[in-house]
C-alpha atoms as a PDB file:
ATOM      1  CA  UNK A   1      81.131 168.910 126.319  1.00  0.00           C
ATOM      2  CA  UNK A   2      78.789 170.668 123.926  1.00  0.00           C
ATOM      3  CA  UNK A   3      75.816 169.526 121.871  1.00  0.00           C
ATOM      4  CA  UNK A   4      76.940 168.217 118.503  1.00  0.00           C
ATOM      5  CA  UNK A   5      80.360 167.204 119.763  1.00  0.00           C
ATOM      6  CA  UNK A   6      82.063 163.810 120.043  1.00  0.00           C
ATOM      7  CA  UNK A   7      84.670 163.765 122.799  1.00  0.00           C
ATOM      8  CA  UNK A   8      86.966 160.758 123.197  1.00  0.00           C
ATOM      9  CA  UNK A   9      88.430 159.971 126.618  1.00  0.00           C
ATOM     10  CA  UNK A  10      91.663 158.001 126.639  1.00  0.00           C
ATOM     11  CA  UNK A  11      94.037 156.928 129.381  1.00  0.00           C
ATOM     12  CA  UNK A  12      95.643 153.974 131.086  1.00  0.00           C
ATOM     13  CA  UNK A  13      93.618 151.309 132.856  1.00  0.00           C
ATOM     14  CA  UNK A  14      92.640 152.560 136.299  1.00  0.00           C
ATOM     15  CA  UNK A  15      92.872 156.237 135.377  1.00  0.00           C
ATOM     16  CA  UNK A  16      89.152 156.822 136.004  1.00  0.00           C
ATOM     17  CA  UNK A  17      87.665 156.788 132.490  1.00  0.00           C
ATOM     18  CA  UNK A  18      84.698 154.561 133.351  1.00  0.00           C
ATOM     19  CA  UNK A  19      84.190 156.404 136.645  1.00  0.00           C
ATOM     20  CA  UNK A  20      83.985 159.657 134.684  1.00  0.00           C
ATOM     21  CA  UNK A  21      81.155 158.171 132.574  1.00  0.00           C
ATOM     22  CA  UNK A  22      79.342 156.956 135.703  1.00  0.00           C
ATOM     23  CA  UNK A  23      79.568 160.456 137.196  1.00  0.00           C
ATOM     24  CA  UNK A  24      78.558 162.188 133.957  1.00  0.00           C
ATOM     25  CA  UNK A  25      75.462 160.006 133.713  1.00  0.00           C
ATOM     26  CA  UNK A  26      74.421 160.365 137.330  1.00  0.00           C
ATOM     27  CA  UNK A  27      75.027 156.710 138.167  1.00  0.00           C
ATOM     28  CA  UNK A  28      77.591 157.766 140.766  1.00  0.00           C
ATOM     29  CA  UNK A  29      77.467 160.971 142.783  1.00  0.00           C
ATOM     30  CA  UNK A  30      80.280 163.506 142.687  1.00  0.00           C
ATOM     31  CA  UNK A  31      81.995 164.456 145.949  1.00  0.00           C
ATOM     32  CA  UNK A  32      82.569 168.001 144.687  1.00  0.00           C
ATOM     33  CA  UNK A  33      81.832 170.183 141.697  1.00  0.00           C
ATOM     34  CA  UNK A  34      78.745 170.183 139.510  1.00  0.00           C
ATOM     35  CA  UNK A  35      77.519 168.065 136.625  1.00  0.00           C
ATOM     36  CA  UNK A  36      74.724 169.089 134.270  1.00  0.00           C
ATOM     37  CA  UNK A  37      72.800 167.064 131.712  1.00  0.00           C
ATOM     38  CA  UNK A  38      70.529 168.891 129.288  1.00  0.00           C
ATOM     39  CA  UNK A  39      70.785 171.993 131.465  1.00  0.00           C
ATOM     40  CA  UNK A  40      69.797 170.165 134.659  1.00  0.00           C
ATOM     41  CA  UNK A  41      72.232 169.958 137.577  1.00  0.00           C
ATOM     42  CA  UNK A  42      72.580 166.455 139.010  1.00  0.00           C
ATOM     43  CA  UNK A  43      73.647 167.356 142.553  1.00  0.00           C
ATOM     44  CA  UNK A  44      70.857 167.283 145.118  1.00  0.00           C
ATOM     45  CA  UNK A  45      68.527 165.222 142.921  1.00  0.00           C
ATOM     46  CA  UNK A  46      66.779 162.160 144.326  1.00  0.00           C
ATOM     47  CA  UNK A  47      67.544 158.738 142.874  1.00  0.00           C
ATOM     48  CA  UNK A  48      64.095 158.743 141.279  1.00  0.00           C
ATOM     49  CA  UNK A  49      64.655 162.168 139.669  1.00  0.00           C
ATOM     50  CA  UNK A  50      68.049 161.042 138.374  1.00  0.00           C
ATOM     51  CA  UNK A  51      66.490 157.896 136.899  1.00  0.00           C
ATOM     52  CA  UNK A  52      63.858 159.999 135.074  1.00  0.00           C
ATOM     53  CA  UNK A  53      66.528 162.373 133.804  1.00  0.00           C
ATOM     54  CA  UNK A  54      68.657 159.484 132.516  1.00  0.00           C
ATOM     55  CA  UNK A  55      65.667 157.833 130.821  1.00  0.00           C
ATOM     56  CA  UNK A  56      64.811 161.035 128.968  1.00  0.00           C
ATOM     57  CA  UNK A  57      68.228 162.481 128.183  1.00  0.00           C
ATOM     58  CA  UNK A  58      71.028 159.891 128.422  1.00  0.00           C
ATOM     59  CA  UNK A  59      71.910 156.845 126.340  1.00  0.00           C
ATOM     60  CA  UNK A  60      74.432 154.487 127.939  1.00  0.00           C
ATOM     61  CA  UNK A  61      76.628 151.940 126.199  1.00  0.00           C
ATOM     62  CA  UNK A  62      78.288 149.812 128.883  1.00  0.00           C
ATOM     63  CA  UNK A  63      81.283 147.502 128.461  1.00  0.00           C
ATOM     64  CA  UNK A  64      79.214 144.689 130.007  1.00  0.00           C
ATOM     65  CA  UNK A  65      76.259 144.924 127.660  1.00  0.00           C
ATOM     66  CA  UNK A  66      73.511 144.651 130.325  1.00  0.00           C
ATOM     67  CA  UNK A  67      71.012 143.032 127.964  1.00  0.00           C
ATOM     68  CA  UNK A  68      68.017 141.343 129.613  1.00  0.00           C
ATOM     69  CA  UNK A  69      68.718 137.616 129.030  1.00  0.00           C
ATOM     70  CA  UNK A  70      65.037 136.633 128.637  1.00  0.00           C
ATOM     71  CA  UNK A  71      64.375 139.191 125.877  1.00  0.00           C
ATOM     72  CA  UNK A  72      65.442 139.035 122.242  1.00  0.00           C
ATOM     73  CA  UNK A  73      67.949 141.530 120.944  1.00  0.00           C
ATOM     74  CA  UNK A  74      65.252 143.709 119.386  1.00  0.00           C
ATOM     75  CA  UNK A  75      63.054 143.419 122.494  1.00  0.00           C
ATOM     76  CA  UNK A  76      66.011 144.730 124.530  1.00  0.00           C
ATOM     77  CA  UNK A  77      66.155 147.763 122.259  1.00  0.00           C
ATOM     78  CA  UNK A  78      62.385 148.334 122.442  1.00  0.00           C
ATOM     79  CA  UNK A  79      62.447 147.953 126.237  1.00  0.00           C
ATOM     80  CA  UNK A  80      64.303 151.268 126.528  1.00  0.00           C
ATOM     81  CA  UNK A  81      61.428 153.054 124.770  1.00  0.00           C
ATOM     82  CA  UNK A  82      59.137 152.208 127.696  1.00  0.00           C
ATOM     83  CA  UNK A  83      61.167 154.493 129.956  1.00  0.00           C
ATOM     84  CA  UNK A  84      62.087 157.330 127.593  1.00  0.00           C
ATOM     85  CA  UNK A  85      60.284 159.995 125.605  1.00  0.00           C
ATOM     86  CA  UNK A  86      60.587 158.293 122.212  1.00  0.00           C
ATOM     87  CA  UNK A  87      57.546 158.545 119.968  1.00  0.00           C
ATOM     88  CA  UNK A  88      57.332 155.648 117.520  1.00  0.00           C
ATOM     89  CA  UNK A  89      59.700 153.572 119.625  1.00  0.00           C
ATOM     90  CA  UNK A  90      59.113 150.251 117.847  1.00  0.00           C
ATOM     91  CA  UNK A  91      59.756 151.824 114.447  1.00  0.00           C
ATOM     92  CA  UNK A  92      62.908 153.567 115.711  1.00  0.00           C
ATOM     93  CA  UNK A  93      64.114 150.301 117.276  1.00  0.00           C
ATOM     94  CA  UNK A  94      63.595 148.456 113.980  1.00  0.00           C
ATOM     95  CA  UNK A  95      65.424 151.226 112.102  1.00  0.00           C
ATOM     96  CA  UNK A  96      68.459 150.927 114.389  1.00  0.00           C
ATOM     97  CA  UNK A  97      68.450 147.128 114.276  1.00  0.00           C
ATOM     98  CA  UNK A  98      68.547 147.359 110.487  1.00  0.00           C
ATOM     99  CA  UNK A  99      71.185 150.122 110.453  1.00  0.00           C
ATOM    100  CA  UNK A 100      73.467 148.013 112.648  1.00  0.00           C
ATOM    101  CA  UNK A 101      73.061 144.923 110.461  1.00  0.00           C
ATOM    102  CA  UNK A 102      71.209 142.933 113.121  1.00  0.00           C
ATOM    103  CA  UNK A 103      67.927 142.052 111.380  1.00  0.00           C
ATOM    104  CA  UNK A 104      68.872 138.370 110.871  1.00  0.00           C
ATOM    105  CA  UNK A 105      69.465 137.906 114.631  1.00  0.00           C
ATOM    106  CA  UNK A 106      66.846 140.357 115.968  1.00  0.00           C
ATOM    107  CA  UNK A 107      64.767 137.538 117.500  1.00  0.00           C
ATOM    108  CA  UNK A 108      67.724 135.808 119.164  1.00  0.00           C
ATOM    109  CA  UNK A 109      68.321 135.844 122.910  1.00  0.00           C
ATOM    110  CA  UNK A 110      71.540 137.465 124.142  1.00  0.00           C
ATOM    111  CA  UNK A 111      73.085 134.058 124.985  1.00  0.00           C
ATOM    112  CA  UNK A 112      72.664 133.100 121.317  1.00  0.00           C
ATOM    113  CA  UNK A 113      74.474 136.210 120.066  1.00  0.00           C
ATOM    114  CA  UNK A 114      78.166 136.886 119.592  1.00  0.00           C
ATOM    115  CA  UNK A 115      79.809 139.540 121.751  1.00  0.00           C
ATOM    116  CA  UNK A 116      79.842 141.925 118.800  1.00  0.00           C
ATOM    117  CA  UNK A 117      76.129 141.392 118.144  1.00  0.00           C
ATOM    118  CA  UNK A 118      75.332 141.971 121.815  1.00  0.00           C
ATOM    119  CA  UNK A 119      77.385 145.176 121.713  1.00  0.00           C
ATOM    120  CA  UNK A 120      75.509 146.443 118.644  1.00  0.00           C
ATOM    121  CA  UNK A 121      72.134 145.734 120.308  1.00  0.00           C
ATOM    122  CA  UNK A 122      73.354 147.639 123.381  1.00  0.00           C
ATOM    123  CA  UNK A 123      74.295 150.564 121.127  1.00  0.00           C
ATOM    124  CA  UNK A 124      70.888 150.494 119.436  1.00  0.00           C
ATOM    125  CA  UNK A 125      69.267 150.542 122.889  1.00  0.00           C
ATOM    126  CA  UNK A 126      71.343 153.588 123.862  1.00  0.00           C
ATOM    127  CA  UNK A 127      70.302 155.465 120.713  1.00  0.00           C
ATOM    128  CA  UNK A 128      66.626 154.468 120.484  1.00  0.00           C
ATOM    129  CA  UNK A 129      65.218 157.360 122.547  1.00  0.00           C
ATOM    130  CA  UNK A 130      67.336 159.947 120.719  1.00  0.00           C
ATOM    131  CA  UNK A 131      69.000 161.125 123.952  1.00  0.00           C
ATOM    132  CA  UNK A 132      70.680 164.510 124.290  1.00  0.00           C
ATOM    133  CA  UNK A 133      73.816 162.815 125.641  1.00  0.00           C
ATOM    134  CA  UNK A 134      75.336 159.458 124.718  1.00  0.00           C
ATOM    135  CA  UNK A 135      77.888 157.986 127.128  1.00  0.00           C
ATOM    136  CA  UNK A 136      79.771 155.034 125.665  1.00  0.00           C
ATOM    137  CA  UNK A 137      82.373 152.845 127.358  1.00  0.00           C
ATOM    138  CA  UNK A 138      84.483 151.149 124.660  1.00  0.00           C
ATOM    139  CA  UNK A 139      81.603 150.931 122.154  1.00  0.00           C
ATOM    140  CA  UNK A 140      83.817 149.441 119.435  1.00  0.00           C
ATOM    141  CA  UNK A 141      85.887 147.228 121.736  1.00  0.00           C
ATOM    142  CA  UNK A 142      84.186 143.920 120.849  1.00  0.00           C
ATOM    143  CA  UNK A 143      83.569 144.653 117.181  1.00  0.00           C
ATOM    144  CA  UNK A 144      85.250 143.754 113.923  1.00  0.00           C
ATOM    145  CA  UNK A 145      86.411 146.632 111.727  1.00  0.00           C
ATOM    146  CA  UNK A 146      83.224 146.744 109.624  1.00  0.00           C
ATOM    147  CA  UNK A 147      80.882 146.741 112.645  1.00  0.00           C
ATOM    148  CA  UNK A 148      83.076 149.303 114.427  1.00  0.00           C
ATOM    149  CA  UNK A 149      82.807 151.583 111.390  1.00  0.00           C
ATOM    150  CA  UNK A 150      78.983 151.244 111.471  1.00  0.00           C
ATOM    151  CA  UNK A 151      78.890 152.157 115.158  1.00  0.00           C
ATOM    152  CA  UNK A 152      81.230 155.096 114.700  1.00  0.00           C
ATOM    153  CA  UNK A 153      79.096 156.350 111.799  1.00  0.00           C
ATOM    154  CA  UNK A 154      75.980 156.188 114.005  1.00  0.00           C
ATOM    155  CA  UNK A 155      77.717 158.077 116.805  1.00  0.00           C
ATOM    156  CA  UNK A 156      78.908 160.739 114.345  1.00  0.00           C
ATOM    157  CA  UNK A 157      75.363 160.962 112.916  1.00  0.00           C
ATOM    158  CA  UNK A 158      74.086 161.537 116.457  1.00  0.00           C
ATOM    159  CA  UNK A 159      76.384 164.542 116.784  1.00  0.00           C
ATOM    160  CA  UNK A 160      75.105 165.958 113.496  1.00  0.00           C
ATOM    161  CA  UNK A 161      71.626 165.718 115.044  1.00  0.00           C
ATOM    162  CA  UNK A 162      72.867 167.871 117.952  1.00  0.00           C
ATOM    163  CA  UNK A 163      73.643 165.168 120.481  1.00  0.00           C
ATOM    164  CA  UNK A 164      76.723 165.212 122.698  1.00  0.00           C
ATOM    165  CA  UNK A 165      78.727 161.974 122.651  1.00  0.00           C
ATOM    166  CA  UNK A 166      81.328 161.071 125.282  1.00  0.00           C
ATOM    167  CA  UNK A 167      83.297 157.926 124.427  1.00  0.00           C
ATOM    168  CA  UNK A 168      85.860 156.084 126.512  1.00  0.00           C
ATOM    169  CA  UNK A 169      88.075 154.306 124.010  1.00  0.00           C
ATOM    170  CA  UNK A 170      91.351 152.702 123.091  1.00  0.00           C
ATOM    171  CA  UNK A 171      90.317 152.577 119.415  1.00  0.00           C
ATOM    172  CA  UNK A 172      92.451 154.868 117.221  1.00  0.00           C
ATOM    173  CA  UNK A 173      89.623 155.211 114.668  1.00  0.00           C
ATOM    174  CA  UNK A 174      87.360 156.657 117.375  1.00  0.00           C
ATOM    175  CA  UNK A 175      89.978 159.137 118.577  1.00  0.00           C
ATOM    176  CA  UNK A 176      90.722 160.135 114.965  1.00  0.00           C
ATOM    177  CA  UNK A 177      87.014 160.864 114.433  1.00  0.00           C
ATOM    178  CA  UNK A 178      86.571 162.794 117.692  1.00  0.00           C
ATOM    179  CA  UNK A 179      86.168 166.551 117.826  1.00  0.00           C
ATOM    180  CA  UNK A 180      88.269 166.572 120.991  1.00  0.00           C
ATOM    181  CA  UNK A 181      90.383 164.000 122.807  1.00  0.00           C
ATOM    182  CA  UNK A 182      90.945 164.202 126.568  1.00  0.00           C
ATOM    183  CA  UNK A 183      93.540 162.099 128.346  1.00  0.00           C
ATOM    184  CA  UNK A 184      92.995 161.018 131.942  1.00  0.00           C
ATOM    185  CA  UNK A 185      96.199 160.550 133.831  1.00  0.00           C
ATOM    186  CA  UNK A 186      96.039 158.584 137.081  1.00  0.00           C
ATOM    187  CA  UNK A 187      99.168 160.267 138.461  1.00  0.00           C
ATOM    188  CA  UNK A 188      97.698 163.688 137.612  1.00  0.00           C
ATOM    189  CA  UNK A 189      94.704 163.031 139.867  1.00  0.00           C
ATOM    190  CA  UNK A 190      96.822 162.642 142.978  1.00  0.00           C
END
C-alpha cells in the first residue's frame, strides 16, 4: 500500500480481513515476513516502541468503537491527541466533530449516542492526529447512507493529503471509491 492510496479489503467472514488490519497496525505480531509503517519495520520492536509508532503514525477505526465510556464523544477524540504528534489537537478535534455532523451530540457520553454516532466519533479519533496510515474495519458498517458518504469523503480526503488508507469493507460504495480492491480468500490461505 502506498501513500495517497485507498485500498479496500473484501472477503468472506473468517477469511482474515480483521487479522490483516491487526498485523498491519502492529497489534498482532506476524509469524513470518515483514511489515513496515512509515518506513519503520515492526518486527523486533518492543511493545512500548510499537505503541509509540502507532500513536504517531496509525489511526485505527475498530468495529467495536472502543470509546471511553466516561468521556464525551468529543473528549474521546481529543484523548487521542495526548498520545500523538498533533499540534492544535483540540482545534483539529472540533473540526472533525463538525465535519462529521456531530456538534449537537459532542458533549454526550457514548451510552447516550447511537451506533452511527459512536462510529463517527471513532473515525474522528482515528483521523485527529493526521496519521500516515489509517486502518479501518467496516467504517461505514453502522452508518446510514448520508453518514457513510461523509466518512468516505473524509477517507478520500486523507488520501489526497498523502495518507494511506486500508479499509476492510462489505460496502459497495467503499470498494467503488477504492484505488485498489484486494480479496482475501480463506481457502487460498491453506
